[in-house]
Amino acid sequence: MSIMTENGSPLPLLSRYAIIVDVGYIYASAGELLFGAASRREYRVDADKLIQSLTRHADDLVRGELLRVYWYDAARDRVPTIDQRVIAQMPWVKLRLGNLNARGQQKGVDAQIRADMEALARHRAITDAILVAGDEDLVPAVEAAQAFGVRVHLWGIEPPYGTNQAERLVWESDTVEVLERSFVEPFFTRQLAPETPSTPAARAGPALAHPGPGATGPAMPSPAQVFGDRHAPRPGPGYRPGYAGAAAAARRGPEKERVEEAGEHVAQKWILTRGEDNIRDLLPGPILPPVIDKELLVDAEKELGLSLRPYQEAREWLRDAFWARVHRQFGIGVGKSRGL
């Protein structure tokens, strides 16, 4: 594409490009590379600085003008987290949210990417697209953009071994680049390991669902994951509180990670809907007014789809996760509700 100068010689036009980021891919790939982590809860991401680094790198490689960064992530019920709201307010950044289901899987993101890439290409809004992704489901998005004359540059994260991008996606892209460990490392920080359950019943339950540091195989699902939606059987006539029946009930209790996720999600919604001034009135914690404590329990039970009333330890996990999110928002230390 070019225009003519006064003397008749062609003058090349600069490219206009968009950076399209599948956040689930870049976070998961970097987490695996840096920490061997499978869950986003195991690390923190300085997302705004990561975005700035991506735009600077693109500016070095593509001669042209940045249209904007499209940041595709997911959230429960498409309610943005605090971190996502910060990203949405960044200049030249468009936050796109899919839905995060109960299993932590993002839904609708690939379809959004394809729709946006095709629309940008059809309306000649861009000449080049930088796609940071790895899923084969994005091949149709690449093909649709190319059909309108857009060049697609695929970026990936250095894999610790093998590959973390679909072969067909690599084939269909016009250029391919791998972002090395040194590129992403400054923006990812390992989270401290969660507290080890203190009771034998807790250790016999959810803790067994995750392999230890030396394990190499995939994590086995816990009983709570497999049977979490089923009602526990009623105790028989020989049931004695505080004996084997109590230990069995504790083992059938909810998984700690699911309870903590629910506590953080409820806290995020509280901060968004009630405002920072109202939430600040609860600080420093960790004791919640009884009415609000009941609201937290009810909201969390809706998230989990099960009752936490029989599980004292699970209710403590819930409160601790709620306060951890609130304290992180206001930059103060984290207290524990245990024993209160």
C-alpha atoms as a PDB file:
ATOM      1  CA  MET A   1       0.000   0.000   0.000  1.00  0.00           C
ATOM      2  CA  SER A   2       1.476   3.388  -0.982  1.00  0.00           C
ATOM      3  CA  ILE A   3       0.667   6.968  -2.022  1.00  0.00           C
ATOM      4  CA  MET A   4       2.345   9.101  -4.676  1.00  0.00           C
ATOM      5  CA  THR A   5       4.628  12.035  -3.886  1.00  0.00           C
ATOM      6  CA  GLU A   6       4.745  15.244  -5.979  1.00  0.00           C
ATOM      7  CA  ASN A   7       7.498  13.870  -8.233  1.00  0.00           C
ATOM      8  CA  GLY A   8       5.572  10.656  -8.858  1.00  0.00           C
ATOM      9  CA  SER A   9       7.643   8.297  -6.678  1.00  0.00           C
ATOM     10  CA  PRO A  10       5.744   6.001  -4.316  1.00  0.00           C
ATOM     11  CA  LEU A  11       5.905   6.690  -0.584  1.00  0.00           C
ATOM     12  CA  PRO A  12       5.206   3.627   1.554  1.00  0.00           C
ATOM     13  CA  LEU A  13       2.480   4.005   4.157  1.00  0.00           C
ATOM     14  CA  LEU A  14       3.188   3.016   7.723  1.00  0.00           C
ATOM     15  CA  SER A  15       1.465  -0.051   9.082  1.00  0.00           C
ATOM     16  CA  ARG A  16      -1.268   0.155  11.663  1.00  0.00           C
ATOM     17  CA  TYR A  17      -1.357  -2.794  13.998  1.00  0.00           C
ATOM     18  CA  ALA A  18      -3.229  -4.190  16.980  1.00  0.00           C
ATOM     19  CA  ILE A  19      -1.827  -6.376  19.746  1.00  0.00           C
ATOM     20  CA  ILE A  20      -4.260  -9.163  20.574  1.00  0.00           C
ATOM     21  CA  VAL A  21      -3.494 -11.026  23.798  1.00  0.00           C
ATOM     22  CA  ASP A  22      -5.089 -14.246  25.040  1.00  0.00           C
ATOM     23  CA  VAL A  23      -4.419 -13.633  28.739  1.00  0.00           C
ATOM     24  CA  GLY A  24      -5.194 -17.218  29.721  1.00  0.00           C
ATOM     25  CA  TYR A  25      -2.427 -18.408  27.399  1.00  0.00           C
ATOM     26  CA  ILE A  26       0.250 -15.886  28.374  1.00  0.00           C
ATOM     27  CA  TYR A  27      -0.366 -16.273  32.118  1.00  0.00           C
ATOM     28  CA  ALA A  28      -0.498 -20.067  32.063  1.00  0.00           C
ATOM     29  CA  SER A  29       2.579 -20.386  29.843  1.00  0.00           C
ATOM     30  CA  ALA A  30       4.635 -17.927  31.879  1.00  0.00           C
ATOM     31  CA  GLY A  31       3.497 -19.525  35.156  1.00  0.00           C
ATOM     32  CA  GLU A  32       4.588 -22.939  33.938  1.00  0.00           C
ATOM     33  CA  LEU A  33       7.898 -21.617  32.604  1.00  0.00           C
ATOM     34  CA  LEU A  34       8.844 -19.610  35.693  1.00  0.00           C
ATOM     35  CA  PHE A  35       7.340 -21.580  38.567  1.00  0.00           C
ATOM     36  CA  GLY A  36       5.980 -24.849  37.216  1.00  0.00           C
ATOM     37  CA  ALA A  37       2.615 -23.498  38.375  1.00  0.00           C
ATOM     38  CA  ALA A  38      -0.698 -24.695  36.967  1.00  0.00           C
ATOM     39  CA  SER A  39      -2.989 -22.201  38.732  1.00  0.00           C
ATOM     40  CA  ARG A  40      -3.059 -18.426  38.438  1.00  0.00           C
ATOM     41  CA  ARG A  41      -3.527 -18.282  42.212  1.00  0.00           C
ATOM     42  CA  GLU A  42       0.107 -19.380  42.615  1.00  0.00           C
ATOM     43  CA  TYR A  43       1.601 -16.147  41.280  1.00  0.00           C
ATOM     44  CA  ARG A  44       0.947 -12.433  40.919  1.00  0.00           C
ATOM     45  CA  VAL A  45       1.234 -10.522  37.636  1.00  0.00           C
ATOM     46  CA  ASP A  46       2.183  -6.876  37.174  1.00  0.00           C
ATOM     47  CA  ALA A  47      -0.155  -6.691  34.180  1.00  0.00           C
ATOM     48  CA  ASP A  48       0.113  -2.988  33.378  1.00  0.00           C
ATOM     49  CA  LYS A  49       3.910  -3.169  33.106  1.00  0.00           C
ATOM     50  CA  LEU A  50       3.617  -6.377  31.053  1.00  0.00           C
ATOM     51  CA  ILE A  51       1.321  -4.572  28.611  1.00  0.00           C
ATOM     52  CA  GLN A  52       3.746  -1.661  28.368  1.00  0.00           C
ATOM     53  CA  SER A  53       6.583  -4.071  27.622  1.00  0.00           C
ATOM     54  CA  LEU A  54       4.553  -5.795  24.894  1.00  0.00           C
ATOM     55  CA  THR A  55       3.785  -2.462  23.221  1.00  0.00           C
ATOM     56  CA  ARG A  56       7.437  -1.382  23.326  1.00  0.00           C
ATOM     57  CA  HIS A  57       8.533  -4.696  21.834  1.00  0.00           C
ATOM     58  CA  ALA A  58       5.940  -4.394  19.065  1.00  0.00           C
ATOM     59  CA  ASP A  59       7.086  -0.859  18.327  1.00  0.00           C
ATOM     60  CA  ASP A  60      10.621  -2.181  17.817  1.00  0.00           C
ATOM     61  CA  LEU A  61       9.483  -4.894  15.398  1.00  0.00           C
ATOM     62  CA  VAL A  62       6.605  -3.394  13.419  1.00  0.00           C
ATOM     63  CA  ARG A  63       7.150  -0.144  11.542  1.00  0.00           C
ATOM     64  CA  GLY A  64       3.882   1.600  12.106  1.00  0.00           C
ATOM     65  CA  GLU A  65       1.224   2.915  14.455  1.00  0.00           C
ATOM     66  CA  LEU A  66      -0.375   1.031  17.321  1.00  0.00           C
ATOM     67  CA  LEU A  67      -4.171   1.078  17.114  1.00  0.00           C
ATOM     68  CA  ARG A  68      -4.679  -0.473  20.559  1.00  0.00           C
ATOM     69  CA  VAL A  69      -4.039  -3.515  22.739  1.00  0.00           C
ATOM     70  CA  TYR A  70      -6.910  -6.005  23.024  1.00  0.00           C
ATOM     71  CA  TRP A  71      -6.682  -7.834  26.359  1.00  0.00           C
ATOM     72  CA  TYR A  72      -8.852 -10.983  26.446  1.00  0.00           C
ATOM     73  CA  ASP A  73      -9.428 -12.400  29.921  1.00  0.00           C
ATOM     74  CA  ALA A  74     -12.269 -14.040  31.840  1.00  0.00           C
ATOM     75  CA  ALA A  75     -14.152 -13.377  35.087  1.00  0.00           C
ATOM     76  CA  ARG A  76     -16.974 -14.991  37.032  1.00  0.00           C
ATOM     77  CA  ASP A  77     -20.273 -13.754  35.571  1.00  0.00           C
ATOM     78  CA  ARG A  78     -18.126 -11.311  33.553  1.00  0.00           C
ATOM     79  CA  VAL A  79     -17.768  -9.127  36.667  1.00  0.00           C
ATOM     80  CA  PRO A  80     -14.253  -7.638  36.360  1.00  0.00           C
ATOM     81  CA  THR A  81     -11.801  -8.057  39.209  1.00  0.00           C
ATOM     82  CA  ILE A  82      -9.970  -5.091  40.700  1.00  0.00           C
ATOM     83  CA  ASP A  83      -6.887  -5.902  38.607  1.00  0.00           C
ATOM     84  CA  GLN A  84      -8.985  -6.102  35.444  1.00  0.00           C
ATOM     85  CA  ARG A  85     -10.587  -2.740  36.187  1.00  0.00           C
ATOM     86  CA  VAL A  86      -7.104  -1.198  36.433  1.00  0.00           C
ATOM     87  CA  ILE A  87      -6.222  -2.651  33.018  1.00  0.00           C
ATOM     88  CA  ALA A  88      -9.473  -1.358  31.498  1.00  0.00           C
ATOM     89  CA  GLN A  89      -8.503   2.188  32.489  1.00  0.00           C
ATOM     90  CA  MET A  90      -5.125   2.052  30.738  1.00  0.00           C
ATOM     91  CA  PRO A  91      -4.803   4.201  27.586  1.00  0.00           C
ATOM     92  CA  TRP A  92      -4.904   2.329  24.268  1.00  0.00           C
ATOM     93  CA  VAL A  93      -6.074  -0.865  26.005  1.00  0.00           C
ATOM     94  CA  LYS A  94      -9.416  -2.560  25.397  1.00  0.00           C
ATOM     95  CA  LEU A  95     -10.428  -5.139  28.022  1.00  0.00           C
ATOM     96  CA  ARG A  96     -12.550  -8.000  26.688  1.00  0.00           C
ATOM     97  CA  LEU A  97     -14.051 -10.433  29.192  1.00  0.00           C
ATOM     98  CA  GLY A  98     -15.296 -13.949  28.676  1.00  0.00           C
ATOM     99  CA  ASN A  99     -17.013 -15.952  31.375  1.00  0.00           C
ATOM    100  CA  LEU A 100     -15.136 -18.024  33.974  1.00  0.00           C
ATOM    101  CA  ASN A 101     -17.086 -21.132  34.887  1.00  0.00           C
ATOM    102  CA  ALA A 102     -17.087 -23.001  38.198  1.00  0.00           C
ATOM    103  CA  ARG A 103     -14.163 -25.161  37.065  1.00  0.00           C
ATOM    104  CA  GLY A 104     -11.981 -22.145  36.332  1.00  0.00           C
ATOM    105  CA  GLN A 105     -12.298 -22.569  32.549  1.00  0.00           C
ATOM    106  CA  GLN A 106     -12.719 -19.467  30.386  1.00  0.00           C
ATOM    107  CA  LYS A 107     -15.609 -19.491  27.906  1.00  0.00           C
ATOM    108  CA  GLY A 108     -16.279 -17.227  24.938  1.00  0.00           C
ATOM    109  CA  VAL A 109     -12.773 -15.759  24.619  1.00  0.00           C
ATOM    110  CA  ASP A 110     -11.837 -17.464  21.334  1.00  0.00           C
ATOM    111  CA  ALA A 111     -15.078 -16.320  19.720  1.00  0.00           C
ATOM    112  CA  GLN A 112     -14.431 -12.723  20.808  1.00  0.00           C
ATOM    113  CA  ILE A 113     -10.909 -12.805  19.371  1.00  0.00           C
ATOM    114  CA  ARG A 114     -12.146 -14.095  16.025  1.00  0.00           C
ATOM    115  CA  ALA A 115     -14.961 -11.530  15.841  1.00  0.00           C
ATOM    116  CA  ASP A 116     -12.623  -8.624  16.622  1.00  0.00           C
ATOM    117  CA  MET A 117      -9.833  -9.735  14.265  1.00  0.00           C
ATOM    118  CA  GLU A 118     -12.285 -10.207  11.394  1.00  0.00           C
ATOM    119  CA  ALA A 119     -13.996  -6.849  12.035  1.00  0.00           C
ATOM    120  CA  LEU A 120     -10.697  -4.970  12.228  1.00  0.00           C
ATOM    121  CA  ALA A 121      -9.519  -6.578   9.002  1.00  0.00           C
ATOM    122  CA  ARG A 122     -12.817  -6.114   7.130  1.00  0.00           C
ATOM    123  CA  HIS A 123     -12.949  -2.409   7.949  1.00  0.00           C
ATOM    124  CA  ARG A 124      -9.248  -1.958   7.101  1.00  0.00           C
ATOM    125  CA  ALA A 125      -8.583  -0.648  10.595  1.00  0.00           C
ATOM    126  CA  ILE A 126      -5.254  -2.530  10.710  1.00  0.00           C
ATOM    127  CA  THR A 127      -2.667  -3.894   8.309  1.00  0.00           C
ATOM    128  CA  ASP A 128      -0.998  -6.182  10.875  1.00  0.00           C
ATOM    129  CA  ALA A 129      -2.145  -8.129  13.916  1.00  0.00           C
ATOM    130  CA  ILE A 130       0.196  -9.317  16.659  1.00  0.00           C
ATOM    131  CA  LEU A 131      -1.466 -12.339  18.234  1.00  0.00           C
ATOM    132  CA  VAL A 132      -0.174 -13.618  21.590  1.00  0.00           C
ATOM    133  CA  ALA A 133      -1.863 -16.993  21.850  1.00  0.00           C
ATOM    134  CA  GLY A 134      -1.420 -20.723  21.415  1.00  0.00           C
ATOM    135  CA  ASP A 135      -4.825 -22.392  21.022  1.00  0.00           C
ATOM    136  CA  GLU A 136      -5.673 -24.167  17.757  1.00  0.00           C
ATOM    137  CA  ASP A 137      -9.213 -22.805  18.067  1.00  0.00           C
ATOM    138  CA  LEU A 138      -7.794 -19.438  16.948  1.00  0.00           C
ATOM    139  CA  VAL A 139      -6.797 -20.735  13.503  1.00  0.00           C
ATOM    140  CA  PRO A 140     -10.146 -19.549  12.001  1.00  0.00           C
ATOM    141  CA  ALA A 141      -9.482 -16.064  13.437  1.00  0.00           C
ATOM    142  CA  VAL A 142      -6.098 -15.960  11.709  1.00  0.00           C
ATOM    143  CA  GLU A 143      -7.555 -17.184   8.426  1.00  0.00           C
ATOM    144  CA  ALA A 144     -10.426 -14.669   8.568  1.00  0.00           C
ATOM    145  CA  ALA A 145      -8.049 -11.740   9.116  1.00  0.00           C
ATOM    146  CA  GLN A 146      -5.697 -12.900   6.367  1.00  0.00           C
ATOM    147  CA  ALA A 147      -8.602 -13.188   3.936  1.00  0.00           C
ATOM    148  CA  PHE A 148      -8.951  -9.393   4.197  1.00  0.00           C
ATOM    149  CA  GLY A 149      -5.225  -8.815   3.652  1.00  0.00           C
ATOM    150  CA  VAL A 150      -4.014  -8.516   7.255  1.00  0.00           C
ATOM    151  CA  ARG A 151      -0.618  -9.953   8.167  1.00  0.00           C
ATOM    152  CA  VAL A 152      -0.724 -11.997  11.387  1.00  0.00           C
ATOM    153  CA  HIS A 153       2.387 -12.164  13.582  1.00  0.00           C
ATOM    154  CA  LEU A 154       2.169 -14.923  16.194  1.00  0.00           C
ATOM    155  CA  TRP A 155       3.994 -14.436  19.484  1.00  0.00           C
ATOM    156  CA  GLY A 156       4.427 -17.189  22.029  1.00  0.00           C
ATOM    157  CA  ILE A 157       6.037 -17.718  25.428  1.00  0.00           C
ATOM    158  CA  GLU A 158       9.181 -19.820  25.641  1.00  0.00           C
ATOM    159  CA  PRO A 159       8.070 -23.321  26.687  1.00  0.00           C
ATOM    160  CA  PRO A 160      10.009 -25.149  29.420  1.00  0.00           C
ATOM    161  CA  TYR A 161       9.977 -28.183  27.099  1.00  0.00           C
ATOM    162  CA  GLY A 162       8.217 -29.221  23.908  1.00  0.00           C
ATOM    163  CA  THR A 163       5.797 -26.596  22.625  1.00  0.00           C
ATOM    164  CA  ASN A 164       2.888 -24.617  24.050  1.00  0.00           C
ATOM    165  CA  GLN A 165       1.365 -23.492  20.739  1.00  0.00           C
ATOM    166  CA  ALA A 166      -0.728 -25.508  18.323  1.00  0.00           C
ATOM    167  CA  GLU A 167       1.155 -26.559  15.202  1.00  0.00           C
ATOM    168  CA  ARG A 168      -1.622 -25.422  12.855  1.00  0.00           C
ATOM    169  CA  LEU A 169      -1.686 -21.973  14.465  1.00  0.00           C
ATOM    170  CA  VAL A 170       2.050 -21.668  13.853  1.00  0.00           C
ATOM    171  CA  TRP A 171       1.673 -22.806  10.233  1.00  0.00           C
ATOM    172  CA  GLU A 172      -1.090 -20.347   9.396  1.00  0.00           C
ATOM    173  CA  SER A 173       0.611 -17.266  10.870  1.00  0.00           C
ATOM    174  CA  ASP A 174       2.778 -15.039   8.687  1.00  0.00           C
ATOM    175  CA  THR A 175       5.615 -14.697  11.203  1.00  0.00           C
ATOM    176  CA  VAL A 176       6.344 -16.382  14.524  1.00  0.00           C
ATOM    177  CA  GLU A 177       8.339 -15.094  17.493  1.00  0.00           C
ATOM    178  CA  VAL A 178       9.046 -16.585  20.912  1.00  0.00           C
ATOM    179  CA  LEU A 179       9.223 -14.289  23.951  1.00  0.00           C
ATOM    180  CA  GLU A 180      12.008 -15.646  26.131  1.00  0.00           C
ATOM    181  CA  ARG A 181      12.032 -16.189  29.861  1.00  0.00           C
ATOM    182  CA  SER A 182      13.906 -12.927  30.434  1.00  0.00           C
ATOM    183  CA  PHE A 183      11.060 -11.004  28.768  1.00  0.00           C
ATOM    184  CA  VAL A 184       8.254 -12.175  31.083  1.00  0.00           C
ATOM    185  CA  GLU A 185      10.188 -12.850  34.304  1.00  0.00           C
ATOM    186  CA  PRO A 186      10.167  -9.256  35.661  1.00  0.00           C
ATOM    187  CA  PHE A 187       6.352  -9.175  35.695  1.00  0.00           C
ATOM    188  CA  PHE A 188       5.569 -12.423  37.542  1.00  0.00           C
ATOM    189  CA  THR A 189       5.998 -12.984  41.297  1.00  0.00           C
ATOM    190  CA  ARG A 190       5.507 -16.265  43.127  1.00  0.00           C
ATOM    191  CA  GLN A 191       2.723 -16.262  45.723  1.00  0.00           C
ATOM    192  CA  LEU A 192       3.417 -17.744  49.137  1.00  0.00           C
ATOM    193  CA  ALA A 193       2.139 -21.301  49.528  1.00  0.00           C
ATOM    194  CA  PRO A 194      -1.225 -21.554  51.296  1.00  0.00           C
ATOM    195  CA  GLU A 195      -1.217 -22.493  54.969  1.00  0.00           C
ATOM    196  CA  THR A 196      -1.060 -26.253  55.603  1.00  0.00           C
ATOM    197  CA  PRO A 197      -4.246 -27.564  57.278  1.00  0.00           C
ATOM    198  CA  SER A 198      -3.592 -28.208  60.952  1.00  0.00           C
ATOM    199  CA  THR A 199      -6.043 -31.011  61.720  1.00  0.00           C
ATOM    200  CA  PRO A 200      -5.584 -34.658  60.759  1.00  0.00           C
ATOM    201  CA  ALA A 201      -9.022 -34.704  59.141  1.00  0.00           C
ATOM    202  CA  ALA A 202      -8.116 -31.739  56.926  1.00  0.00           C
ATOM    203  CA  ARG A 203      -4.800 -33.324  55.986  1.00  0.00           C
ATOM    204  CA  ALA A 204      -6.599 -36.519  55.044  1.00  0.00           C
ATOM    205  CA  GLY A 205      -9.009 -34.636  52.791  1.00  0.00           C
ATOM    206  CA  PRO A 206      -8.353 -31.808  50.311  1.00  0.00           C
ATOM    207  CA  ALA A 207      -4.566 -31.776  50.853  1.00  0.00           C
ATOM    208  CA  LEU A 208      -4.321 -35.153  49.145  1.00  0.00           C
ATOM    209  CA  ALA A 209      -5.842 -33.731  45.970  1.00  0.00           C
ATOM    210  CA  HIS A 210      -2.570 -32.037  44.971  1.00  0.00           C
ATOM    211  CA  PRO A 211       0.764 -33.781  44.377  1.00  0.00           C
ATOM    212  CA  GLY A 212       3.725 -32.924  46.565  1.00  0.00           C
ATOM    213  CA  PRO A 213       6.781 -30.974  45.387  1.00  0.00           C
ATOM    214  CA  GLY A 214       8.478 -34.066  44.012  1.00  0.00           C
ATOM    215  CA  ALA A 215       5.457 -35.433  42.149  1.00  0.00           C
ATOM    216  CA  THR A 216       5.546 -35.512  38.381  1.00  0.00           C
ATOM    217  CA  GLY A 217       2.111 -36.824  37.436  1.00  0.00           C
ATOM    218  CA  PRO A 218      -1.136 -34.855  37.132  1.00  0.00           C
ATOM    219  CA  ALA A 219      -3.120 -33.995  40.252  1.00  0.00           C
ATOM    220  CA  MET A 220      -5.805 -36.508  41.131  1.00  0.00           C
ATOM    221  CA  PRO A 221      -9.305 -35.104  41.741  1.00  0.00           C
ATOM    222  CA  SER A 222     -10.310 -34.966  45.383  1.00  0.00           C
ATOM    223  CA  PRO A 223     -13.536 -36.560  46.680  1.00  0.00           C
ATOM    224  CA  ALA A 224     -14.938 -33.040  47.075  1.00  0.00           C
ATOM    225  CA  GLN A 225     -14.327 -32.363  43.372  1.00  0.00           C
ATOM    226  CA  VAL A 226     -15.908 -35.641  42.277  1.00  0.00           C
ATOM    227  CA  PHE A 227     -18.849 -35.742  44.669  1.00  0.00           C
ATOM    228  CA  GLY A 228     -19.159 -32.066  45.643  1.00  0.00           C
ATOM    229  CA  ASP A 229     -22.636 -31.682  44.104  1.00  0.00           C
ATOM    230  CA  ARG A 230     -24.095 -34.749  45.824  1.00  0.00           C
ATOM    231  CA  HIS A 231     -25.765 -34.667  49.211  1.00  0.00           C
ATOM    232  CA  ALA A 232     -23.922 -36.412  52.018  1.00  0.00           C
ATOM    233  CA  PRO A 233     -25.734 -39.505  53.338  1.00  0.00           C
ATOM    234  CA  ARG A 234     -27.573 -39.161  56.618  1.00  0.00           C
ATOM    235  CA  PRO A 235     -25.699 -40.635  59.592  1.00  0.00           C
ATOM    236  CA  GLY A 236     -26.957 -44.017  60.692  1.00  0.00           C
ATOM    237  CA  PRO A 237     -28.196 -44.967  64.169  1.00  0.00           C
ATOM    238  CA  GLY A 238     -24.648 -45.807  65.301  1.00  0.00           C
ATOM    239  CA  TYR A 239     -23.291 -42.350  64.518  1.00  0.00           C
ATOM    240  CA  ARG A 240     -21.475 -40.685  67.443  1.00  0.00           C
ATOM    241  CA  PRO A 241     -20.397 -37.019  67.214  1.00  0.00           C
ATOM    242  CA  GLY A 242     -16.675 -36.515  67.559  1.00  0.00           C
ATOM    243  CA  TYR A 243     -15.883 -40.090  66.523  1.00  0.00           C
ATOM    244  CA  ALA A 244     -15.163 -41.699  63.106  1.00  0.00           C
ATOM    245  CA  GLY A 245     -18.336 -40.218  61.630  1.00  0.00           C
ATOM    246  CA  ALA A 246     -17.053 -36.689  62.273  1.00  0.00           C
ATOM    247  CA  ALA A 247     -13.748 -37.432  60.572  1.00  0.00           C
ATOM    248  CA  ALA A 248     -15.599 -38.858  57.565  1.00  0.00           C
ATOM    249  CA  ALA A 249     -17.784 -35.748  57.386  1.00  0.00           C
ATOM    250  CA  ALA A 250     -14.680 -33.549  57.460  1.00  0.00           C
ATOM    251  CA  ARG A 251     -13.176 -35.539  54.607  1.00  0.00           C
ATOM    252  CA  ARG A 252     -16.348 -34.964  52.593  1.00  0.00           C
ATOM    253  CA  GLY A 253     -16.057 -31.219  53.208  1.00  0.00           C
ATOM    254  CA  PRO A 254     -15.372 -28.652  50.484  1.00  0.00           C
ATOM    255  CA  GLU A 255     -11.926 -28.263  48.981  1.00  0.00           C
ATOM    256  CA  LYS A 256      -9.869 -25.449  50.483  1.00  0.00           C
ATOM    257  CA  GLU A 257      -8.902 -23.908  47.139  1.00  0.00           C
ATOM    258  CA  ARG A 258     -12.536 -23.693  46.016  1.00  0.00           C
ATOM    259  CA  VAL A 259     -13.560 -22.036  49.291  1.00  0.00           C
ATOM    260  CA  GLU A 260     -10.713 -19.507  49.033  1.00  0.00           C
ATOM    261  CA  GLU A 261     -11.637 -18.678  45.439  1.00  0.00           C
ATOM    262  CA  ALA A 262     -15.219 -18.057  46.535  1.00  0.00           C
ATOM    263  CA  GLY A 263     -14.058 -15.811  49.397  1.00  0.00           C
ATOM    264  CA  GLU A 264     -11.877 -13.723  47.076  1.00  0.00           C
ATOM    265  CA  HIS A 265     -14.618 -13.466  44.469  1.00  0.00           C
ATOM    266  CA  VAL A 266     -17.185 -12.304  47.023  1.00  0.00           C
ATOM    267  CA  ALA A 267     -14.680  -9.727  48.315  1.00  0.00           C
ATOM    268  CA  GLN A 268     -14.087  -8.449  44.778  1.00  0.00           C
ATOM    269  CA  LYS A 269     -17.817  -8.010  44.209  1.00  0.00           C
ATOM    270  CA  TRP A 270     -18.185  -6.244  47.568  1.00  0.00           C
ATOM    271  CA  ILE A 271     -15.434  -3.767  46.735  1.00  0.00           C
ATOM    272  CA  LEU A 272     -16.962  -3.078  43.316  1.00  0.00           C
ATOM    273  CA  THR A 273     -20.583  -2.787  44.387  1.00  0.00           C
ATOM    274  CA  ARG A 274     -20.272  -1.213  47.841  1.00  0.00           C
ATOM    275  CA  GLY A 275     -17.385   1.136  47.179  1.00  0.00           C
ATOM    276  CA  GLU A 276     -14.023   1.514  48.856  1.00  0.00           C
ATOM    277  CA  ASP A 277     -15.343   3.866  51.547  1.00  0.00           C
ATOM    278  CA  ASN A 278     -17.842   1.298  52.824  1.00  0.00           C
ATOM    279  CA  ILE A 279     -15.314  -1.542  52.681  1.00  0.00           C
ATOM    280  CA  ARG A 280     -12.740   0.593  54.509  1.00  0.00           C
ATOM    281  CA  ASP A 281     -15.162   0.820  57.442  1.00  0.00           C
ATOM    282  CA  LEU A 282     -14.641  -2.928  57.992  1.00  0.00           C
ATOM    283  CA  LEU A 283     -10.873  -2.581  58.406  1.00  0.00           C
ATOM    284  CA  PRO A 284      -8.623  -3.706  59.938  1.00  0.00           C
ATOM    285  CA  GLY A 285     -10.613  -6.892  60.651  1.00  0.00           C
ATOM    286  CA  PRO A 286     -10.541  -9.824  60.943  1.00  0.00           C
ATOM    287  CA  ILE A 287     -13.904  -9.770  62.777  1.00  0.00           C
ATOM    288  CA  LEU A 288     -16.925  -9.061  60.577  1.00  0.00           C
ATOM    289  CA  PRO A 289     -20.200  -7.763  61.995  1.00  0.00           C
ATOM    290  CA  PRO A 290     -22.556 -10.758  62.371  1.00  0.00           C
ATOM    291  CA  VAL A 291     -24.987  -9.539  59.682  1.00  0.00           C
ATOM    292  CA  ILE A 292     -22.197  -9.065  57.137  1.00  0.00           C
ATOM    293  CA  ASP A 293     -20.552 -12.342  58.116  1.00  0.00           C
ATOM    294  CA  LYS A 294     -23.836 -14.105  57.333  1.00  0.00           C
ATOM    295  CA  GLU A 295     -24.046 -12.335  53.956  1.00  0.00           C
ATOM    296  CA  LEU A 296     -20.516 -13.523  53.134  1.00  0.00           C
ATOM    297  CA  LEU A 297     -21.458 -17.089  54.015  1.00  0.00           C
ATOM    298  CA  VAL A 298     -24.660 -17.001  51.937  1.00  0.00           C
ATOM    299  CA  ASP A 299     -22.919 -15.493  48.879  1.00  0.00           C
ATOM    300  CA  ALA A 300     -20.099 -18.024  49.083  1.00  0.00           C
ATOM    301  CA  GLU A 301     -22.509 -20.936  49.383  1.00  0.00           C
ATOM    302  CA  LYS A 302     -24.247 -19.740  46.215  1.00  0.00           C
ATOM    303  CA  GLU A 303     -20.873 -19.668  44.451  1.00  0.00           C
ATOM    304  CA  LEU A 304     -19.935 -23.150  45.631  1.00  0.00           C
ATOM    305  CA  GLY A 305     -23.358 -24.723  45.305  1.00  0.00           C
ATOM    306  CA  LEU A 306     -23.112 -26.346  48.751  1.00  0.00           C
ATOM    307  CA  SER A 307     -23.560 -25.490  52.416  1.00  0.00           C
ATOM    308  CA  LEU A 308     -20.582 -24.557  54.586  1.00  0.00           C
ATOM    309  CA  ARG A 309     -22.575 -24.611  57.825  1.00  0.00           C
ATOM    310  CA  PRO A 310     -21.272 -28.039  58.974  1.00  0.00           C
ATOM    311  CA  TYR A 311     -17.616 -27.142  58.289  1.00  0.00           C
ATOM    312  CA  GLN A 312     -16.098 -24.721  60.790  1.00  0.00           C
ATOM    313  CA  GLU A 313     -12.642 -24.869  59.197  1.00  0.00           C
ATOM    314  CA  ALA A 314     -14.093 -24.130  55.746  1.00  0.00           C
ATOM    315  CA  ARG A 315     -15.823 -21.026  57.141  1.00  0.00           C
ATOM    316  CA  GLU A 316     -12.441 -19.890  58.527  1.00  0.00           C
ATOM    317  CA  TRP A 317     -10.828 -20.402  55.097  1.00  0.00           C
ATOM    318  CA  LEU A 318     -13.645 -18.328  53.609  1.00  0.00           C
ATOM    319  CA  ARG A 319     -13.159 -15.408  56.003  1.00  0.00           C
ATOM    320  CA  ASP A 320      -9.360 -15.515  55.629  1.00  0.00           C
ATOM    321  CA  ALA A 321      -9.639 -15.383  51.820  1.00  0.00           C
ATOM    322  CA  PHE A 322     -12.125 -12.502  52.048  1.00  0.00           C
ATOM    323  CA  TRP A 323      -9.772 -10.491  54.261  1.00  0.00           C
ATOM    324  CA  ALA A 324      -6.724 -11.397  52.162  1.00  0.00           C
ATOM    325  CA  ARG A 325      -8.369  -9.800  49.115  1.00  0.00           C
ATOM    326  CA  VAL A 326      -9.533  -6.715  51.032  1.00  0.00           C
ATOM    327  CA  HIS A 327      -6.131  -6.221  52.672  1.00  0.00           C
ATOM    328  CA  ARG A 328      -4.366  -6.617  49.334  1.00  0.00           C
ATOM    329  CA  GLN A 329      -6.607  -3.910  47.887  1.00  0.00           C
ATOM    330  CA  PHE A 330      -5.749  -1.460  50.683  1.00  0.00           C
ATOM    331  CA  GLY A 331      -2.097  -2.475  51.030  1.00  0.00           C
ATOM    332  CA  ILE A 332      -2.154  -3.581  54.660  1.00  0.00           C
ATOM    333  CA  GLY A 333      -1.181  -6.772  56.451  1.00  0.00           C
ATOM    334  CA  VAL A 334      -3.340  -9.879  56.481  1.00  0.00           C
ATOM    335  CA  GLY A 335      -4.913 -11.153  59.695  1.00  0.00           C
ATOM    336  CA  LYS A 336      -6.367 -14.565  60.422  1.00  0.00           C
ATOM    337  CA  SER A 337      -9.863 -15.328  61.671  1.00  0.00           C
ATOM    338  CA  ARG A 338      -8.833 -18.701  63.137  1.00  0.00           C
ATOM    339  CA  GLY A 339      -9.699 -19.040  66.780  1.00  0.00           C
ATOM    340  CA  LEU A 340     -12.087 -16.056  66.850  1.00  0.00           C
END
